[in-house]
Amino acid sequence: MTAEQNVAPLRSTHAAPVVFGAGAAIGVLGGMIGLGGAEFRLPLLISLFGFAALSAVILNKAMSLVVVLVALPARLVAVPAAEVAARWPVTVNLLAGSLLGAWAGASWAVRMRSVTLYKVLAGLMVLMAAAMVLTHTTMLDTLALPLWAQIPSGVVAGFGIGVVAAIMGVAGGELLIPTIVLLFGEGIKTAGSLSLLVSLPTMLVAFARYSRDGSFAVLGANLRFTAVMALGSTAGAVGGGLLLGVFPDLILIPALAVILLVSAVKLARHA
């Protein structure tokens, strides 16, 4: 199946307030756990707004890029830039794998039949749910690997995260943060900032690969839709961030994981 057939440049006809509200709701969900919410936005693009699988991935990737660009300056205020810059070997190590993974993931996505892509997305959403539970309900300790094992492990982990991020259209923070903590022993706050530095170039590489197959047709047909939902997602993420800690993780995380799992089931059955 060609990229053009799989993307099907559908133009959304939903009213701007509906699109903004949906984006804001997703942003709040992500903001309450310190993320952008792209994992929750993807099934919404498919089930509520009716986009085909690859179209939804590309739109999700565009919105994730906007959210990351907005979040990066805020993270650098929370964690001093000098502190983040001092960890440049971590970023380079992960990028060595994630950039290749993003290119490979986007290449596979544009070649998949839609029915296959729905099932792959469903499986990856289950992975995201598991990663979210692991990150937010357990104490992560560094694996304390020797340097000769740490570097190739970072490249392999980065490659896998790049593939997942490209196929789902997400920034990958839900996977990057625990990876940075486990492999490199960084604290959660620092890991969050480093994850954005890895996510940004990784998403740009995926975009470059998608653009080669005419996959941006859906983005060009839905620029207003994308801008409105990205604005809603950003506003929601800020609002969700203000609610950080209001709901106990023992209630919030399982509830969000169930949302992802239910969405995964629906995607797996999507025709």
C-alpha atoms as a PDB file:
ATOM      1  CA  MET A   1       0.000   0.000   0.000  1.00  0.00           C
ATOM      2  CA  THR A   2       1.397   3.404  -0.916  1.00  0.00           C
ATOM      3  CA  ALA A   3       1.798   6.245   1.518  1.00  0.00           C
ATOM      4  CA  GLU A   4      -0.860   8.230  -0.351  1.00  0.00           C
ATOM      5  CA  GLN A   5      -3.423   5.444   0.013  1.00  0.00           C
ATOM      6  CA  ASN A   6      -2.618   4.895   3.657  1.00  0.00           C
ATOM      7  CA  VAL A   7      -2.675   8.578   4.616  1.00  0.00           C
ATOM      8  CA  ALA A   8      -5.918   9.562   2.829  1.00  0.00           C
ATOM      9  CA  PRO A   9      -5.726  13.380   3.235  1.00  0.00           C
ATOM     10  CA  LEU A  10      -8.968  13.842   5.124  1.00  0.00           C
ATOM     11  CA  ARG A  11      -9.973  17.362   6.125  1.00  0.00           C
ATOM     12  CA  SER A  12     -11.624  17.650   9.518  1.00  0.00           C
ATOM     13  CA  THR A  13     -14.923  19.536   9.598  1.00  0.00           C
ATOM     14  CA  HIS A  14     -15.253  19.765  13.379  1.00  0.00           C
ATOM     15  CA  ALA A  15     -15.823  23.179  14.941  1.00  0.00           C
ATOM     16  CA  ALA A  16     -12.816  24.941  16.470  1.00  0.00           C
ATOM     17  CA  PRO A  17     -14.234  24.908  20.052  1.00  0.00           C
ATOM     18  CA  VAL A  18     -14.637  21.111  19.858  1.00  0.00           C
ATOM     19  CA  VAL A  19     -11.094  20.683  18.567  1.00  0.00           C
ATOM     20  CA  PHE A  20      -9.650  23.064  21.174  1.00  0.00           C
ATOM     21  CA  GLY A  21     -11.640  21.397  23.969  1.00  0.00           C
ATOM     22  CA  ALA A  22     -10.464  17.927  22.955  1.00  0.00           C
ATOM     23  CA  GLY A  23      -6.872  19.120  22.840  1.00  0.00           C
ATOM     24  CA  ALA A  24      -7.214  20.811  26.227  1.00  0.00           C
ATOM     25  CA  ALA A  25      -8.681  17.679  27.813  1.00  0.00           C
ATOM     26  CA  ILE A  26      -5.776  15.606  26.514  1.00  0.00           C
ATOM     27  CA  GLY A  27      -3.320  18.249  27.689  1.00  0.00           C
ATOM     28  CA  VAL A  28      -4.780  18.155  31.193  1.00  0.00           C
ATOM     29  CA  LEU A  29      -4.433  14.362  31.356  1.00  0.00           C
ATOM     30  CA  GLY A  30      -0.801  14.572  30.320  1.00  0.00           C
ATOM     31  CA  GLY A  31      -0.056  17.642  32.416  1.00  0.00           C
ATOM     32  CA  MET A  32      -1.211  15.927  35.606  1.00  0.00           C
ATOM     33  CA  ILE A  33       1.637  13.434  35.224  1.00  0.00           C
ATOM     34  CA  GLY A  34       4.157  15.877  33.755  1.00  0.00           C
ATOM     35  CA  LEU A  35       3.803  14.843  30.092  1.00  0.00           C
ATOM     36  CA  GLY A  36       2.275  16.245  26.901  1.00  0.00           C
ATOM     37  CA  GLY A  37      -0.493  13.658  26.555  1.00  0.00           C
ATOM     38  CA  ALA A  38       0.242  12.553  22.970  1.00  0.00           C
ATOM     39  CA  GLU A  39      -0.442   8.932  23.934  1.00  0.00           C
ATOM     40  CA  PHE A  40      -4.029   9.908  24.792  1.00  0.00           C
ATOM     41  CA  ARG A  41      -4.426  12.221  21.794  1.00  0.00           C
ATOM     42  CA  LEU A  42      -3.661   9.564  19.174  1.00  0.00           C
ATOM     43  CA  PRO A  43      -6.741   7.354  19.768  1.00  0.00           C
ATOM     44  CA  LEU A  44      -8.891  10.486  19.966  1.00  0.00           C
ATOM     45  CA  LEU A  45      -7.728  11.579  16.518  1.00  0.00           C
ATOM     46  CA  ILE A  46      -8.786   8.191  15.185  1.00  0.00           C
ATOM     47  CA  SER A  47     -11.992   7.495  17.103  1.00  0.00           C
ATOM     48  CA  LEU A  48     -13.496  10.974  17.525  1.00  0.00           C
ATOM     49  CA  PHE A  49     -12.134  12.875  14.536  1.00  0.00           C
ATOM     50  CA  GLY A  50     -12.079   9.969  12.095  1.00  0.00           C
ATOM     51  CA  PHE A  51      -8.533  10.166  10.769  1.00  0.00           C
ATOM     52  CA  ALA A  52      -6.906   7.074   9.270  1.00  0.00           C
ATOM     53  CA  ALA A  53      -4.061   5.529  11.264  1.00  0.00           C
ATOM     54  CA  LEU A  54      -1.105   7.135   9.491  1.00  0.00           C
ATOM     55  CA  SER A  55      -2.892  10.470   9.160  1.00  0.00           C
ATOM     56  CA  ALA A  56      -3.490  10.481  12.918  1.00  0.00           C
ATOM     57  CA  VAL A  57       0.161   9.626  13.583  1.00  0.00           C
ATOM     58  CA  ILE A  58       1.413  12.531  11.461  1.00  0.00           C
ATOM     59  CA  LEU A  59      -0.998  15.027  13.001  1.00  0.00           C
ATOM     60  CA  ASN A  60      -0.097  13.746  16.464  1.00  0.00           C
ATOM     61  CA  LYS A  61       3.592  14.156  15.672  1.00  0.00           C
ATOM     62  CA  ALA A  62       3.045  17.776  14.567  1.00  0.00           C
ATOM     63  CA  MET A  63       1.186  18.611  17.780  1.00  0.00           C
ATOM     64  CA  SER A  64       3.762  16.815  19.914  1.00  0.00           C
ATOM     65  CA  LEU A  65       6.478  18.923  18.316  1.00  0.00           C
ATOM     66  CA  VAL A  66       4.624  22.127  19.236  1.00  0.00           C
ATOM     67  CA  VAL A  67       4.128  20.953  22.827  1.00  0.00           C
ATOM     68  CA  VAL A  68       7.820  20.043  23.174  1.00  0.00           C
ATOM     69  CA  LEU A  69       8.929  23.414  21.795  1.00  0.00           C
ATOM     70  CA  VAL A  70       6.713  25.174  24.343  1.00  0.00           C
ATOM     71  CA  ALA A  71       7.734  22.894  27.216  1.00  0.00           C
ATOM     72  CA  LEU A  72      11.493  23.085  26.648  1.00  0.00           C
ATOM     73  CA  PRO A  73      12.028  26.691  27.882  1.00  0.00           C
ATOM     74  CA  ALA A  74       9.838  26.000  30.925  1.00  0.00           C
ATOM     75  CA  ARG A  75      11.869  22.888  31.761  1.00  0.00           C
ATOM     76  CA  LEU A  76      15.122  24.840  31.453  1.00  0.00           C
ATOM     77  CA  VAL A  77      13.766  27.281  34.032  1.00  0.00           C
ATOM     78  CA  ALA A  78      12.919  24.428  36.412  1.00  0.00           C
ATOM     79  CA  VAL A  79      16.287  22.730  35.837  1.00  0.00           C
ATOM     80  CA  PRO A  80      19.212  25.136  35.143  1.00  0.00           C
ATOM     81  CA  ALA A  81      20.516  24.994  31.580  1.00  0.00           C
ATOM     82  CA  ALA A  82      24.075  24.545  32.847  1.00  0.00           C
ATOM     83  CA  GLU A  83      23.028  21.432  34.749  1.00  0.00           C
ATOM     84  CA  VAL A  84      21.364  19.988  31.655  1.00  0.00           C
ATOM     85  CA  ALA A  85      24.307  20.905  29.413  1.00  0.00           C
ATOM     86  CA  ALA A  86      26.682  19.102  31.751  1.00  0.00           C
ATOM     87  CA  ARG A  87      24.814  15.877  30.949  1.00  0.00           C
ATOM     88  CA  TRP A  88      25.426  16.169  27.183  1.00  0.00           C
ATOM     89  CA  PRO A  89      26.960  12.643  26.960  1.00  0.00           C
ATOM     90  CA  VAL A  90      23.572  11.199  27.987  1.00  0.00           C
ATOM     91  CA  THR A  91      21.792  13.126  25.241  1.00  0.00           C
ATOM     92  CA  VAL A  92      24.360  12.177  22.600  1.00  0.00           C
ATOM     93  CA  ASN A  93      24.306   8.529  23.653  1.00  0.00           C
ATOM     94  CA  LEU A  94      20.526   8.246  23.293  1.00  0.00           C
ATOM     95  CA  LEU A  95      20.419  10.330  20.097  1.00  0.00           C
ATOM     96  CA  ALA A  96      22.909   7.948  18.474  1.00  0.00           C
ATOM     97  CA  GLY A  97      20.133   5.362  18.555  1.00  0.00           C
ATOM     98  CA  SER A  98      16.942   7.430  18.530  1.00  0.00           C
ATOM     99  CA  LEU A  99      17.694   9.295  15.286  1.00  0.00           C
ATOM    100  CA  LEU A 100      18.173   6.001  13.446  1.00  0.00           C
ATOM    101  CA  GLY A 101      15.122   4.560  15.174  1.00  0.00           C
ATOM    102  CA  ALA A 102      12.958   7.513  14.166  1.00  0.00           C
ATOM    103  CA  TRP A 103      13.938   7.132  10.511  1.00  0.00           C
ATOM    104  CA  ALA A 104      13.340   3.377  10.613  1.00  0.00           C
ATOM    105  CA  GLY A 105      10.023   3.707  12.462  1.00  0.00           C
ATOM    106  CA  ALA A 106       8.658   6.281  10.023  1.00  0.00           C
ATOM    107  CA  SER A 107       9.812   4.116   7.106  1.00  0.00           C
ATOM    108  CA  TRP A 108       7.954   1.118   8.487  1.00  0.00           C
ATOM    109  CA  ALA A 109       4.826   3.142   9.270  1.00  0.00           C
ATOM    110  CA  VAL A 110       4.394   4.463   5.719  1.00  0.00           C
ATOM    111  CA  ARG A 111       4.746   0.946   4.327  1.00  0.00           C
ATOM    112  CA  MET A 112       2.275  -0.772   6.663  1.00  0.00           C
ATOM    113  CA  ARG A 113      -1.258  -1.570   5.644  1.00  0.00           C
ATOM    114  CA  SER A 114      -3.704   0.457   7.733  1.00  0.00           C
ATOM    115  CA  VAL A 115      -5.126  -2.629   9.457  1.00  0.00           C
ATOM    116  CA  THR A 116      -1.594  -3.645  10.499  1.00  0.00           C
ATOM    117  CA  LEU A 117      -0.754  -0.153  11.715  1.00  0.00           C
ATOM    118  CA  TYR A 118      -3.874  -0.084  13.919  1.00  0.00           C
ATOM    119  CA  LYS A 119      -2.740  -3.292  15.614  1.00  0.00           C
ATOM    120  CA  VAL A 120       0.832  -2.047  16.017  1.00  0.00           C
ATOM    121  CA  LEU A 121      -0.450   1.179  17.569  1.00  0.00           C
ATOM    122  CA  ALA A 122      -2.633  -0.851  19.938  1.00  0.00           C
ATOM    123  CA  GLY A 123       0.370  -2.880  21.078  1.00  0.00           C
ATOM    124  CA  LEU A 124       2.472   0.234  21.593  1.00  0.00           C
ATOM    125  CA  MET A 125      -0.280   1.836  23.675  1.00  0.00           C
ATOM    126  CA  VAL A 126      -0.148  -1.173  25.993  1.00  0.00           C
ATOM    127  CA  LEU A 127       3.613  -0.595  26.230  1.00  0.00           C
ATOM    128  CA  MET A 128       3.018   3.066  27.094  1.00  0.00           C
ATOM    129  CA  ALA A 129       0.520   2.114  29.799  1.00  0.00           C
ATOM    130  CA  ALA A 130       3.065  -0.274  31.354  1.00  0.00           C
ATOM    131  CA  ALA A 131       5.832   2.344  31.177  1.00  0.00           C
ATOM    132  CA  MET A 132       3.584   4.944  32.817  1.00  0.00           C
ATOM    133  CA  VAL A 133       2.735   2.628  35.701  1.00  0.00           C
ATOM    134  CA  LEU A 134       6.399   1.674  36.142  1.00  0.00           C
ATOM    135  CA  THR A 135       7.615   5.277  36.117  1.00  0.00           C
ATOM    136  CA  HIS A 136       5.009   6.742  38.450  1.00  0.00           C
ATOM    137  CA  THR A 137       4.375   3.971  40.970  1.00  0.00           C
ATOM    138  CA  THR A 138       7.827   2.485  41.596  1.00  0.00           C
ATOM    139  CA  MET A 139      11.168   3.825  42.765  1.00  0.00           C
ATOM    140  CA  LEU A 140      13.586   3.630  39.848  1.00  0.00           C
ATOM    141  CA  ASP A 141      17.218   2.948  40.728  1.00  0.00           C
ATOM    142  CA  THR A 142      20.136   3.099  38.346  1.00  0.00           C
ATOM    143  CA  LEU A 143      21.328  -0.197  36.905  1.00  0.00           C
ATOM    144  CA  ALA A 144      24.929   0.936  37.573  1.00  0.00           C
ATOM    145  CA  LEU A 145      26.236  -0.568  34.343  1.00  0.00           C
ATOM    146  CA  PRO A 146      29.939  -0.240  33.481  1.00  0.00           C
ATOM    147  CA  LEU A 147      30.688   2.275  30.732  1.00  0.00           C
ATOM    148  CA  TRP A 148      31.377  -0.448  28.155  1.00  0.00           C
ATOM    149  CA  ALA A 149      27.831  -1.758  28.642  1.00  0.00           C
ATOM    150  CA  GLN A 150      26.099   1.556  29.325  1.00  0.00           C
ATOM    151  CA  ILE A 151      26.939   3.152  25.961  1.00  0.00           C
ATOM    152  CA  PRO A 152      25.648   0.355  23.688  1.00  0.00           C
ATOM    153  CA  SER A 153      22.628  -0.079  25.970  1.00  0.00           C
ATOM    154  CA  GLY A 154      21.850   3.631  25.499  1.00  0.00           C
ATOM    155  CA  VAL A 155      22.107   3.309  21.725  1.00  0.00           C
ATOM    156  CA  VAL A 156      19.833   0.255  21.641  1.00  0.00           C
ATOM    157  CA  ALA A 157      17.310   1.848  24.013  1.00  0.00           C
ATOM    158  CA  GLY A 158      17.404   5.066  21.995  1.00  0.00           C
ATOM    159  CA  PHE A 159      16.765   3.162  18.776  1.00  0.00           C
ATOM    160  CA  GLY A 160      13.724   1.417  20.246  1.00  0.00           C
ATOM    161  CA  ILE A 161      12.339   4.666  21.647  1.00  0.00           C
ATOM    162  CA  GLY A 162      12.893   6.405  18.308  1.00  0.00           C
ATOM    163  CA  VAL A 163      10.920   3.688  16.535  1.00  0.00           C
ATOM    164  CA  VAL A 164       8.028   3.912  18.995  1.00  0.00           C
ATOM    165  CA  ALA A 165       7.974   7.728  18.919  1.00  0.00           C
ATOM    166  CA  ALA A 166       7.929   7.810  15.112  1.00  0.00           C
ATOM    167  CA  ILE A 167       5.208   5.187  14.720  1.00  0.00           C
ATOM    168  CA  MET A 168       2.936   6.703  17.398  1.00  0.00           C
ATOM    169  CA  GLY A 169       3.665  10.353  16.691  1.00  0.00           C
ATOM    170  CA  VAL A 170       4.670  11.000  20.307  1.00  0.00           C
ATOM    171  CA  ALA A 171       7.650  12.713  21.911  1.00  0.00           C
ATOM    172  CA  GLY A 172       8.584   9.532  23.771  1.00  0.00           C
ATOM    173  CA  GLY A 173       9.021  11.038  27.229  1.00  0.00           C
ATOM    174  CA  GLU A 174       7.137   8.187  28.879  1.00  0.00           C
ATOM    175  CA  LEU A 175       9.924   5.853  27.715  1.00  0.00           C
ATOM    176  CA  LEU A 176      12.868   8.246  27.734  1.00  0.00           C
ATOM    177  CA  ILE A 177      12.528   9.358  31.349  1.00  0.00           C
ATOM    178  CA  PRO A 178      12.724   5.882  32.959  1.00  0.00           C
ATOM    179  CA  THR A 179      15.494   4.944  30.517  1.00  0.00           C
ATOM    180  CA  ILE A 180      17.588   7.959  31.548  1.00  0.00           C
ATOM    181  CA  VAL A 181      17.014   7.203  35.236  1.00  0.00           C
ATOM    182  CA  LEU A 182      17.794   3.480  34.922  1.00  0.00           C
ATOM    183  CA  LEU A 183      20.773   3.653  32.559  1.00  0.00           C
ATOM    184  CA  PHE A 184      22.399   6.922  33.589  1.00  0.00           C
ATOM    185  CA  GLY A 185      21.276   7.436  37.190  1.00  0.00           C
ATOM    186  CA  GLU A 186      19.798  10.904  36.678  1.00  0.00           C
ATOM    187  CA  GLY A 187      17.007  12.301  38.865  1.00  0.00           C
ATOM    188  CA  ILE A 188      13.461  12.510  37.520  1.00  0.00           C
ATOM    189  CA  LYS A 189      13.556  16.302  37.007  1.00  0.00           C
ATOM    190  CA  THR A 190      16.835  16.250  35.117  1.00  0.00           C
ATOM    191  CA  ALA A 191      15.677  13.219  33.146  1.00  0.00           C
ATOM    192  CA  GLY A 192      12.557  15.144  32.095  1.00  0.00           C
ATOM    193  CA  SER A 193      14.649  17.980  30.659  1.00  0.00           C
ATOM    194  CA  LEU A 194      17.082  15.623  28.938  1.00  0.00           C
ATOM    195  CA  SER A 195      14.175  13.710  27.414  1.00  0.00           C
ATOM    196  CA  LEU A 196      12.990  16.880  25.667  1.00  0.00           C
ATOM    197  CA  LEU A 197      16.458  17.468  24.221  1.00  0.00           C
ATOM    198  CA  VAL A 198      16.408  13.942  22.803  1.00  0.00           C
ATOM    199  CA  SER A 199      12.784  14.157  21.652  1.00  0.00           C
ATOM    200  CA  LEU A 200      13.104  17.314  19.577  1.00  0.00           C
ATOM    201  CA  PRO A 201      15.722  16.167  17.012  1.00  0.00           C
ATOM    202  CA  THR A 202      14.210  12.676  17.031  1.00  0.00           C
ATOM    203  CA  MET A 203      10.813  14.060  15.999  1.00  0.00           C
ATOM    204  CA  LEU A 204      12.398  16.232  13.309  1.00  0.00           C
ATOM    205  CA  VAL A 205      14.065  13.173  11.775  1.00  0.00           C
ATOM    206  CA  ALA A 206      10.734  11.316  11.731  1.00  0.00           C
ATOM    207  CA  PHE A 207       9.126  14.346  10.070  1.00  0.00           C
ATOM    208  CA  ALA A 208      11.846  14.393   7.413  1.00  0.00           C
ATOM    209  CA  ARG A 209      11.214  10.725   6.628  1.00  0.00           C
ATOM    210  CA  TYR A 210       7.431  11.130   6.482  1.00  0.00           C
ATOM    211  CA  SER A 211       7.789  14.096   4.121  1.00  0.00           C
ATOM    212  CA  ARG A 212       9.505  11.932   1.494  1.00  0.00           C
ATOM    213  CA  ASP A 213       6.342   9.926   0.809  1.00  0.00           C
ATOM    214  CA  GLY A 214       3.808  12.709   0.437  1.00  0.00           C
ATOM    215  CA  SER A 215       2.603  11.921   3.932  1.00  0.00           C
ATOM    216  CA  PHE A 216       2.288  15.608   4.807  1.00  0.00           C
ATOM    217  CA  ALA A 217      -0.787  15.956   2.581  1.00  0.00           C
ATOM    218  CA  VAL A 218      -2.986  15.424   5.627  1.00  0.00           C
ATOM    219  CA  LEU A 219      -1.066  18.070   7.578  1.00  0.00           C
ATOM    220  CA  GLY A 220      -1.437  20.628   4.807  1.00  0.00           C
ATOM    221  CA  ALA A 221      -5.169  19.918   4.596  1.00  0.00           C
ATOM    222  CA  ASN A 222      -5.592  20.324   8.359  1.00  0.00           C
ATOM    223  CA  LEU A 223      -3.289  23.166   9.375  1.00  0.00           C
ATOM    224  CA  ARG A 224      -6.066  25.028  11.200  1.00  0.00           C
ATOM    225  CA  PHE A 225      -7.217  21.853  12.946  1.00  0.00           C
ATOM    226  CA  THR A 226      -3.627  21.081  13.997  1.00  0.00           C
ATOM    227  CA  ALA A 227      -2.956  24.601  15.250  1.00  0.00           C
ATOM    228  CA  VAL A 228      -6.183  24.760  17.275  1.00  0.00           C
ATOM    229  CA  MET A 229      -5.688  21.344  18.879  1.00  0.00           C
ATOM    230  CA  ALA A 230      -2.013  22.053  19.586  1.00  0.00           C
ATOM    231  CA  LEU A 231      -3.020  25.295  21.278  1.00  0.00           C
ATOM    232  CA  GLY A 232      -5.617  23.443  23.325  1.00  0.00           C
ATOM    233  CA  SER A 233      -3.106  20.722  24.216  1.00  0.00           C
ATOM    234  CA  THR A 234      -0.557  23.296  25.361  1.00  0.00           C
ATOM    235  CA  ALA A 235      -3.108  25.207  27.445  1.00  0.00           C
ATOM    236  CA  GLY A 236      -4.393  21.946  28.916  1.00  0.00           C
ATOM    237  CA  ALA A 237      -0.883  20.771  29.768  1.00  0.00           C
ATOM    238  CA  VAL A 238      -0.287  24.001  31.691  1.00  0.00           C
ATOM    239  CA  GLY A 239      -3.590  23.561  33.512  1.00  0.00           C
ATOM    240  CA  GLY A 240      -2.838  19.916  34.191  1.00  0.00           C
ATOM    241  CA  GLY A 241       0.553  20.893  35.555  1.00  0.00           C
ATOM    242  CA  LEU A 242      -1.183  23.080  38.134  1.00  0.00           C
ATOM    243  CA  LEU A 243      -3.134  19.989  39.222  1.00  0.00           C
ATOM    244  CA  LEU A 244       0.079  17.992  39.646  1.00  0.00           C
ATOM    245  CA  GLY A 245      -0.124  16.243  43.000  1.00  0.00           C
ATOM    246  CA  VAL A 246      -3.822  17.068  43.564  1.00  0.00           C
ATOM    247  CA  PHE A 247      -4.865  13.522  42.710  1.00  0.00           C
ATOM    248  CA  PRO A 248      -2.937  10.675  44.393  1.00  0.00           C
ATOM    249  CA  ASP A 249      -0.836   8.623  41.975  1.00  0.00           C
ATOM    250  CA  LEU A 250      -2.406   5.433  43.322  1.00  0.00           C
ATOM    251  CA  ILE A 251      -5.715   6.628  41.847  1.00  0.00           C
ATOM    252  CA  LEU A 252      -4.604   8.737  38.883  1.00  0.00           C
ATOM    253  CA  ILE A 253      -2.033   6.409  37.285  1.00  0.00           C
ATOM    254  CA  PRO A 254      -4.217   3.260  37.213  1.00  0.00           C
ATOM    255  CA  ALA A 255      -7.105   5.340  35.819  1.00  0.00           C
ATOM    256  CA  LEU A 256      -4.932   6.728  33.021  1.00  0.00           C
ATOM    257  CA  ALA A 257      -3.491   3.282  32.333  1.00  0.00           C
ATOM    258  CA  VAL A 258      -7.030   1.899  31.962  1.00  0.00           C
ATOM    259  CA  ILE A 259      -7.825   4.685  29.478  1.00  0.00           C
ATOM    260  CA  LEU A 260      -4.809   3.677  27.399  1.00  0.00           C
ATOM    261  CA  LEU A 261      -5.684  -0.026  27.565  1.00  0.00           C
ATOM    262  CA  VAL A 262      -9.316   0.551  26.550  1.00  0.00           C
ATOM    263  CA  SER A 263      -8.104   2.742  23.687  1.00  0.00           C
ATOM    264  CA  ALA A 264      -5.673  -0.008  22.664  1.00  0.00           C
ATOM    265  CA  VAL A 265      -8.488  -2.550  22.467  1.00  0.00           C
ATOM    266  CA  LYS A 266     -10.565  -0.200  20.315  1.00  0.00           C
ATOM    267  CA  LEU A 267      -7.629   0.451  17.988  1.00  0.00           C
ATOM    268  CA  ALA A 268      -6.896  -3.276  17.637  1.00  0.00           C
ATOM    269  CA  ARG A 269     -10.508  -3.806  16.524  1.00  0.00           C
ATOM    270  CA  HIS A 270     -10.573  -0.756  14.256  1.00  0.00           C
ATOM    271  CA  ALA A 271     -11.352  -1.551  10.631  1.00  0.00           C
END
